[in-house]
Amino acid sequence: MKNNLLQESFDLIKSNPGLTSESIPLDIIDYWKIDDPEDVDTENDDAWTIFMYAFLKYKKEQGIESFEITTEELMKIFVDWQFIINLAFIHKVQLMKISPFPLLDFDNMDELEFEMFMD
């Protein structure tokens, strides 16, 4: 099952660069989220693997084949991404709804605004 979700994740990212909180399946968003992103095991955590795949694919789609980034900068982007992933999960399972927002727009995560409302 785990390997299936990992491959489904890669396929979803590859075929949906504009993936939003509304269009992602619940089982996938649940698979992507982790409770403490600042304590991620970068060698063994599939959430990190998925993030890196999505992040590098995003850069490549922008025409960026090579770039430099510090560990601290990369971890900040990962933590921000996990915040967005967790909001998407809340949207899927809670009474509070959030207007759709992009999940793979790494350059603009700091500027996202969320419209939240009760069901």
Protein backbone atom coordinates (compact mmCIF):
# COMPACT_ATOMS: atom_id res chain seq x y z
CA MET A 1 0.00 0.00 0.00
CA LYS A 2 2.76 2.45 0.99
CA ASN A 3 4.64 1.99 -2.29
CA ASN A 4 1.37 2.40 -4.18
CA LEU A 5 0.73 5.75 -2.46
CA LEU A 6 4.26 6.88 -3.17
CA GLN A 7 3.91 6.07 -6.87
CA GLU A 8 0.41 7.61 -6.96
CA SER A 9 1.91 10.75 -5.42
CA PHE A 10 4.60 10.98 -8.08
CA ASP A 11 2.03 10.39 -10.83
CA LEU A 12 -0.33 13.01 -9.39
CA ILE A 13 2.40 15.65 -9.15
CA LYS A 14 3.70 14.84 -12.62
CA SER A 15 0.29 15.14 -14.25
CA ASN A 16 -1.08 18.03 -12.13
CA PRO A 17 1.41 20.89 -11.65
CA GLY A 18 -1.52 23.12 -10.65
CA LEU A 19 -2.72 20.70 -7.97
CA THR A 20 -5.00 22.36 -5.41
CA SER A 21 -6.37 21.56 -1.99
CA GLU A 22 -9.71 20.84 -3.63
CA SER A 23 -8.47 18.35 -6.22
CA ILE A 24 -6.14 16.18 -4.14
CA PRO A 25 -7.59 12.90 -2.84
CA LEU A 26 -7.86 12.52 0.95
CA ASP A 27 -5.69 9.38 1.10
CA ILE A 28 -2.88 11.18 -0.73
CA ILE A 29 -3.01 14.34 1.38
CA ASP A 30 -3.07 12.19 4.52
CA TYR A 31 -0.01 10.32 3.23
CA TRP A 32 1.87 13.58 2.57
CA LYS A 33 1.31 15.23 5.95
CA ILE A 34 3.46 14.74 9.00
CA ASP A 35 2.87 15.91 12.55
CA ASP A 36 6.21 17.59 13.20
CA PRO A 37 7.84 18.79 9.97
CA GLU A 38 10.81 20.25 11.84
CA ASP A 39 11.67 16.74 13.02
CA VAL A 40 11.44 15.02 9.63
CA ASP A 41 13.69 12.05 8.90
CA THR A 42 14.97 13.16 5.49
CA GLU A 43 16.37 9.72 4.72
CA ASN A 44 13.33 7.61 5.59
CA ASP A 45 10.23 9.79 5.41
CA ASP A 46 8.11 9.58 2.28
CA ALA A 47 6.74 13.08 2.91
CA TRP A 48 10.29 14.42 2.44
CA THR A 49 10.74 12.32 -0.72
CA ILE A 50 7.46 13.63 -2.15
CA PHE A 51 8.36 17.20 -1.24
CA MET A 52 11.75 16.94 -2.93
CA TYR A 53 10.21 15.41 -6.05
CA ALA A 54 7.57 18.16 -6.22
CA PHE A 55 10.04 20.94 -5.43
CA LEU A 56 12.58 19.83 -8.06
CA LYS A 57 9.84 19.29 -10.65
CA TYR A 58 8.53 22.80 -9.91
CA LYS A 59 12.00 24.30 -10.42
CA LYS A 60 12.50 22.34 -13.65
CA GLU A 61 9.14 23.56 -15.00
CA GLN A 62 10.38 27.10 -14.38
CA GLY A 63 13.41 26.32 -16.55
CA ILE A 64 15.75 26.12 -13.57
CA GLU A 65 18.00 23.09 -14.02
CA SER A 66 20.56 24.02 -11.38
CA PHE A 67 20.34 26.19 -8.26
CA GLU A 68 21.90 26.64 -4.85
CA ILE A 69 19.93 26.54 -1.62
CA THR A 70 21.01 26.24 1.99
CA THR A 71 19.76 23.50 4.26
CA GLU A 72 17.98 26.12 6.34
CA GLU A 73 16.19 27.58 3.31
CA LEU A 74 15.13 24.15 2.10
CA MET A 75 13.81 23.18 5.53
CA LYS A 76 11.84 26.43 5.76
CA ILE A 77 10.19 25.68 2.42
CA PHE A 78 9.42 22.14 3.61
CA VAL A 79 7.87 23.39 6.87
CA ASP A 80 5.80 25.98 4.95
CA TRP A 81 4.69 23.25 2.52
CA GLN A 82 3.68 21.01 5.42
CA PHE A 83 1.58 23.85 6.85
CA ILE A 84 -0.26 24.06 3.53
CA ILE A 85 -0.60 20.27 3.33
CA ASN A 86 -2.07 20.18 6.84
CA LEU A 87 -4.54 22.94 5.93
CA ALA A 88 -5.63 20.89 2.92
CA PHE A 89 -6.13 17.89 5.20
CA ILE A 90 -8.23 19.98 7.61
CA HIS A 91 -10.30 21.14 4.65
CA LYS A 92 -10.96 17.53 3.64
CA VAL A 93 -11.97 16.15 7.06
CA GLN A 94 -13.29 19.01 9.20
CA LEU A 95 -16.38 21.18 9.25
CA MET A 96 -14.25 24.21 8.48
CA LYS A 97 -13.81 24.67 4.77
CA ILE A 98 -11.05 26.56 3.06
CA SER A 99 -11.28 27.98 -0.45
CA PRO A 100 -9.07 26.00 -2.86
CA PHE A 101 -5.39 26.93 -2.83
CA PRO A 102 -2.33 25.67 -4.72
CA LEU A 103 -0.23 22.94 -3.15
CA LEU A 104 2.83 23.06 -5.39
CA ASP A 105 3.47 26.80 -5.90
CA PHE A 106 6.65 26.89 -3.84
CA ASP A 107 7.66 30.47 -4.73
CA ASN A 108 4.41 31.96 -3.49
CA MET A 109 3.62 29.94 -0.35
CA ASP A 110 4.46 32.90 1.89
CA GLU A 111 1.89 35.04 0.07
CA LEU A 112 -1.07 32.66 0.14
CA GLU A 113 -4.22 33.95 1.72
CA PHE A 114 -6.82 31.52 2.97
CA GLU A 115 -10.56 32.09 2.99
CA MET A 116 -12.05 29.91 5.71
CA PHE A 117 -15.71 29.33 6.51
CA MET A 118 -17.93 26.90 8.37
CA ASP A 119 -19.90 24.30 6.50
